[in-house]
């Protein structure tokens, strides 16, 4: 599976975030808390949902499934005017991303094993320390093998100097 390389423009996001680890995964609770609030967000740019992970800079160097990271359930908005009560905002910095069009269950982690163990080490890129995210569009069906989503991995060219 070959990704497309895209330069992302800055995005404004509104949503909820939880600290969690892969071992103590609270994604279902996060989305269950956020989803009823989406209707209260008046300035959405699309109907897509964005699931975002913010990792500490050393997260992938010393990978441990018990290490916590910040997980967000969000939507993209035009601006940060009128943020509904209990929701937070996030400025997603732009930059270069490898975008994988994934079809399959969100419970199947083999796509991430492929990205980090096969594609990335054999590419001309390395991870950049920016958020990772998935765009969950109208073809997304949670845990369904026919589900489709875009996986955005922050990259930068390997500095060979």
C-alpha atoms as a PDB file:
ATOM      1  CA  UNK A   1       0.000   0.000   0.000  1.00  0.00           C
ATOM      2  CA  UNK A   2       1.561   3.240  -1.126  1.00  0.00           C
ATOM      3  CA  UNK A   3       0.443   6.482   0.529  1.00  0.00           C
ATOM      4  CA  UNK A   4      -0.039   9.799  -1.148  1.00  0.00           C
ATOM      5  CA  UNK A   5       2.099  12.624   0.215  1.00  0.00           C
ATOM      6  CA  UNK A   6       0.172  15.784   1.059  1.00  0.00           C
ATOM      7  CA  UNK A   7       0.958  19.178   2.526  1.00  0.00           C
ATOM      8  CA  UNK A   8      -1.736  19.874   5.103  1.00  0.00           C
ATOM      9  CA  UNK A   9      -2.902  23.407   5.723  1.00  0.00           C
ATOM     10  CA  UNK A  10      -3.524  24.503   9.306  1.00  0.00           C
ATOM     11  CA  UNK A  11      -6.835  23.211  10.710  1.00  0.00           C
ATOM     12  CA  UNK A  12      -8.980  24.476  13.562  1.00  0.00           C
ATOM     13  CA  UNK A  13     -10.559  21.642  15.549  1.00  0.00           C
ATOM     14  CA  UNK A  14     -13.129  21.475  18.340  1.00  0.00           C
ATOM     15  CA  UNK A  15     -13.660  18.388  20.473  1.00  0.00           C
ATOM     16  CA  UNK A  16     -12.804  16.398  23.571  1.00  0.00           C
ATOM     17  CA  UNK A  17      -9.514  14.851  24.642  1.00  0.00           C
ATOM     18  CA  UNK A  18      -8.542  12.107  27.077  1.00  0.00           C
ATOM     19  CA  UNK A  19      -5.154  10.801  28.226  1.00  0.00           C
ATOM     20  CA  UNK A  20      -4.894   7.095  27.459  1.00  0.00           C
ATOM     21  CA  UNK A  21      -2.540   4.335  26.386  1.00  0.00           C
ATOM     22  CA  UNK A  22      -2.942   1.458  23.976  1.00  0.00           C
ATOM     23  CA  UNK A  23      -3.316  -0.865  26.971  1.00  0.00           C
ATOM     24  CA  UNK A  24      -5.824   1.450  28.683  1.00  0.00           C
ATOM     25  CA  UNK A  25      -7.700   2.488  25.547  1.00  0.00           C
ATOM     26  CA  UNK A  26     -10.601   4.875  26.211  1.00  0.00           C
ATOM     27  CA  UNK A  27     -11.420   5.673  22.578  1.00  0.00           C
ATOM     28  CA  UNK A  28     -14.969   4.316  22.757  1.00  0.00           C
ATOM     29  CA  UNK A  29     -15.709   6.382  25.880  1.00  0.00           C
ATOM     30  CA  UNK A  30     -14.133   9.467  24.280  1.00  0.00           C
ATOM     31  CA  UNK A  31     -16.348   9.264  21.190  1.00  0.00           C
ATOM     32  CA  UNK A  32     -19.438   8.372  23.248  1.00  0.00           C
ATOM     33  CA  UNK A  33     -18.839  11.572  25.263  1.00  0.00           C
ATOM     34  CA  UNK A  34     -18.177  13.764  22.219  1.00  0.00           C
ATOM     35  CA  UNK A  35     -20.655  12.524  19.590  1.00  0.00           C
ATOM     36  CA  UNK A  36     -23.826  13.948  21.238  1.00  0.00           C
ATOM     37  CA  UNK A  37     -22.143  17.400  21.340  1.00  0.00           C
ATOM     38  CA  UNK A  38     -21.383  17.546  17.598  1.00  0.00           C
ATOM     39  CA  UNK A  39     -24.861  18.909  16.840  1.00  0.00           C
ATOM     40  CA  UNK A  40     -24.074  21.923  19.089  1.00  0.00           C
ATOM     41  CA  UNK A  41     -21.068  22.953  16.973  1.00  0.00           C
ATOM     42  CA  UNK A  42     -22.475  25.517  14.535  1.00  0.00           C
ATOM     43  CA  UNK A  43     -19.450  26.369  12.375  1.00  0.00           C
ATOM     44  CA  UNK A  44     -18.334  22.905  11.159  1.00  0.00           C
ATOM     45  CA  UNK A  45     -16.592  22.902   7.774  1.00  0.00           C
ATOM     46  CA  UNK A  46     -17.516  19.301   6.909  1.00  0.00           C
ATOM     47  CA  UNK A  47     -19.429  16.349   8.318  1.00  0.00           C
ATOM     48  CA  UNK A  48     -16.151  14.419   8.727  1.00  0.00           C
ATOM     49  CA  UNK A  49     -14.943  13.477  12.184  1.00  0.00           C
ATOM     50  CA  UNK A  50     -11.248  13.573  13.047  1.00  0.00           C
ATOM     51  CA  UNK A  51      -9.681  11.151  15.512  1.00  0.00           C
ATOM     52  CA  UNK A  52      -6.315  12.601  16.548  1.00  0.00           C
ATOM     53  CA  UNK A  53      -3.387  11.390  18.629  1.00  0.00           C
ATOM     54  CA  UNK A  54      -0.809  13.747  20.166  1.00  0.00           C
ATOM     55  CA  UNK A  55       2.322  11.866  21.228  1.00  0.00           C
ATOM     56  CA  UNK A  56       5.295  13.034  23.289  1.00  0.00           C
ATOM     57  CA  UNK A  57       8.459  13.410  21.195  1.00  0.00           C
ATOM     58  CA  UNK A  58       9.994  10.197  22.613  1.00  0.00           C
ATOM     59  CA  UNK A  59       6.836   8.052  22.227  1.00  0.00           C
ATOM     60  CA  UNK A  60       8.032   6.089  19.186  1.00  0.00           C
ATOM     61  CA  UNK A  61      11.706   5.942  20.215  1.00  0.00           C
ATOM     62  CA  UNK A  62      10.951   3.844  23.291  1.00  0.00           C
ATOM     63  CA  UNK A  63       7.625   2.355  22.251  1.00  0.00           C
ATOM     64  CA  UNK A  64       5.659   0.877  25.131  1.00  0.00           C
ATOM     65  CA  UNK A  65       1.899   0.151  24.829  1.00  0.00           C
ATOM     66  CA  UNK A  66       1.465   1.417  28.415  1.00  0.00           C
ATOM     67  CA  UNK A  67       2.826   4.903  27.597  1.00  0.00           C
ATOM     68  CA  UNK A  68       0.074   7.500  27.647  1.00  0.00           C
ATOM     69  CA  UNK A  69      -0.727   9.968  24.886  1.00  0.00           C
ATOM     70  CA  UNK A  70      -3.490  12.488  24.283  1.00  0.00           C
ATOM     71  CA  UNK A  71      -6.372  11.299  22.095  1.00  0.00           C
ATOM     72  CA  UNK A  72      -8.887  13.734  20.604  1.00  0.00           C
ATOM     73  CA  UNK A  73     -12.343  13.282  19.093  1.00  0.00           C
ATOM     74  CA  UNK A  74     -12.912  16.384  16.925  1.00  0.00           C
ATOM     75  CA  UNK A  75     -14.513  18.120  13.977  1.00  0.00           C
ATOM     76  CA  UNK A  76     -12.980  20.858  11.834  1.00  0.00           C
ATOM     77  CA  UNK A  77     -14.410  24.351  12.238  1.00  0.00           C
ATOM     78  CA  UNK A  78     -14.139  27.696  10.494  1.00  0.00           C
ATOM     79  CA  UNK A  79     -13.139  29.543  13.664  1.00  0.00           C
ATOM     80  CA  UNK A  80     -13.183  29.276  17.434  1.00  0.00           C
ATOM     81  CA  UNK A  81     -16.175  31.560  17.958  1.00  0.00           C
ATOM     82  CA  UNK A  82     -19.008  30.052  20.006  1.00  0.00           C
ATOM     83  CA  UNK A  83     -17.265  26.926  21.313  1.00  0.00           C
ATOM     84  CA  UNK A  84     -19.934  24.850  23.088  1.00  0.00           C
ATOM     85  CA  UNK A  85     -19.544  24.457  26.834  1.00  0.00           C
ATOM     86  CA  UNK A  86     -17.335  21.525  27.912  1.00  0.00           C
ATOM     87  CA  UNK A  87     -15.543  21.340  24.537  1.00  0.00           C
ATOM     88  CA  UNK A  88     -11.954  22.363  23.827  1.00  0.00           C
ATOM     89  CA  UNK A  89     -10.173  23.701  20.775  1.00  0.00           C
ATOM     90  CA  UNK A  90      -6.986  22.554  19.057  1.00  0.00           C
ATOM     91  CA  UNK A  91      -4.880  24.316  16.425  1.00  0.00           C
ATOM     92  CA  UNK A  92      -3.571  21.559  14.144  1.00  0.00           C
ATOM     93  CA  UNK A  93      -0.319  22.767  12.613  1.00  0.00           C
ATOM     94  CA  UNK A  94       0.115  22.166   8.908  1.00  0.00           C
ATOM     95  CA  UNK A  95       2.910  20.176   7.327  1.00  0.00           C
ATOM     96  CA  UNK A  96       3.822  17.133   5.264  1.00  0.00           C
ATOM     97  CA  UNK A  97       1.815  13.943   5.790  1.00  0.00           C
ATOM     98  CA  UNK A  98       1.743  10.431   4.372  1.00  0.00           C
ATOM     99  CA  UNK A  99      -1.934   9.640   3.780  1.00  0.00           C
ATOM    100  CA  UNK A 100      -3.054   6.013   3.687  1.00  0.00           C
ATOM    101  CA  UNK A 101      -6.512   5.167   2.334  1.00  0.00           C
ATOM    102  CA  UNK A 102      -7.525   2.325   4.616  1.00  0.00           C
ATOM    103  CA  UNK A 103     -10.413  -0.092   4.237  1.00  0.00           C
ATOM    104  CA  UNK A 104     -11.105  -2.453   7.112  1.00  0.00           C
ATOM    105  CA  UNK A 105     -12.084  -2.694  10.750  1.00  0.00           C
ATOM    106  CA  UNK A 106     -10.762  -0.061  13.134  1.00  0.00           C
ATOM    107  CA  UNK A 107      -9.916  -2.942  15.503  1.00  0.00           C
ATOM    108  CA  UNK A 108      -7.361  -4.332  13.019  1.00  0.00           C
ATOM    109  CA  UNK A 109      -3.992  -2.729  13.837  1.00  0.00           C
ATOM    110  CA  UNK A 110      -2.083  -4.398  10.993  1.00  0.00           C
ATOM    111  CA  UNK A 111      -2.198  -1.185   8.935  1.00  0.00           C
ATOM    112  CA  UNK A 112      -0.206   0.625  11.630  1.00  0.00           C
ATOM    113  CA  UNK A 113       2.289  -2.237  11.843  1.00  0.00           C
ATOM    114  CA  UNK A 114       2.742  -1.944   8.078  1.00  0.00           C
ATOM    115  CA  UNK A 115       3.145   1.850   8.221  1.00  0.00           C
ATOM    116  CA  UNK A 116       5.691   1.915  11.058  1.00  0.00           C
ATOM    117  CA  UNK A 117       7.568  -1.354  10.438  1.00  0.00           C
ATOM    118  CA  UNK A 118       7.540  -1.639   6.649  1.00  0.00           C
ATOM    119  CA  UNK A 119       6.631   1.535   4.784  1.00  0.00           C
ATOM    120  CA  UNK A 120       8.339   4.198   6.930  1.00  0.00           C
ATOM    121  CA  UNK A 121      11.741   2.451   7.352  1.00  0.00           C
ATOM    122  CA  UNK A 122      11.870   1.850   3.578  1.00  0.00           C
ATOM    123  CA  UNK A 123      10.820   5.379   2.603  1.00  0.00           C
ATOM    124  CA  UNK A 124      12.738   8.621   2.245  1.00  0.00           C
ATOM    125  CA  UNK A 125      10.862   9.984   5.271  1.00  0.00           C
ATOM    126  CA  UNK A 126      10.923   9.871   9.042  1.00  0.00           C
ATOM    127  CA  UNK A 127       8.261  10.743  11.595  1.00  0.00           C
ATOM    128  CA  UNK A 128       7.759  14.397  12.373  1.00  0.00           C
ATOM    129  CA  UNK A 129       6.730  15.396  15.893  1.00  0.00           C
ATOM    130  CA  UNK A 130       3.198  16.562  15.070  1.00  0.00           C
ATOM    131  CA  UNK A 131      -0.216  15.010  15.679  1.00  0.00           C
ATOM    132  CA  UNK A 132      -1.284  11.844  13.871  1.00  0.00           C
ATOM    133  CA  UNK A 133      -4.943  11.621  12.853  1.00  0.00           C
ATOM    134  CA  UNK A 134      -7.624   9.733  10.980  1.00  0.00           C
ATOM    135  CA  UNK A 135     -10.376  11.336   8.930  1.00  0.00           C
ATOM    136  CA  UNK A 136     -13.619   9.455   9.466  1.00  0.00           C
ATOM    137  CA  UNK A 137     -15.836  10.408   6.550  1.00  0.00           C
ATOM    138  CA  UNK A 138     -19.211   9.172   5.381  1.00  0.00           C
ATOM    139  CA  UNK A 139     -17.788   5.732   4.434  1.00  0.00           C
ATOM    140  CA  UNK A 140     -16.513   5.148   7.977  1.00  0.00           C
ATOM    141  CA  UNK A 141     -18.354   2.364   9.838  1.00  0.00           C
ATOM    142  CA  UNK A 142     -16.813   1.694  13.247  1.00  0.00           C
ATOM    143  CA  UNK A 143     -15.339  -1.837  13.543  1.00  0.00           C
ATOM    144  CA  UNK A 144     -16.845  -2.913  10.197  1.00  0.00           C
ATOM    145  CA  UNK A 145     -14.558  -4.667   7.654  1.00  0.00           C
ATOM    146  CA  UNK A 146     -16.090  -2.479   4.894  1.00  0.00           C
ATOM    147  CA  UNK A 147     -15.252   0.757   6.747  1.00  0.00           C
ATOM    148  CA  UNK A 148     -13.076   3.357   4.992  1.00  0.00           C
ATOM    149  CA  UNK A 149     -10.923   6.104   6.512  1.00  0.00           C
ATOM    150  CA  UNK A 150      -7.830   8.162   5.806  1.00  0.00           C
ATOM    151  CA  UNK A 151      -4.812   7.713   8.084  1.00  0.00           C
ATOM    152  CA  UNK A 152      -2.552  10.804   8.225  1.00  0.00           C
ATOM    153  CA  UNK A 153       1.007  10.250   9.497  1.00  0.00           C
ATOM    154  CA  UNK A 154       3.237  13.355   9.997  1.00  0.00           C
ATOM    155  CA  UNK A 155       6.513  13.005   8.093  1.00  0.00           C
ATOM    156  CA  UNK A 156       9.589  14.951   7.103  1.00  0.00           C
ATOM    157  CA  UNK A 157      12.385  14.174   4.700  1.00  0.00           C
ATOM    158  CA  UNK A 158      15.282  12.282   6.243  1.00  0.00           C
ATOM    159  CA  UNK A 159      18.136  14.691   6.905  1.00  0.00           C
ATOM    160  CA  UNK A 160      21.166  12.953   5.420  1.00  0.00           C
ATOM    161  CA  UNK A 161      23.592  15.786   6.257  1.00  0.00           C
END
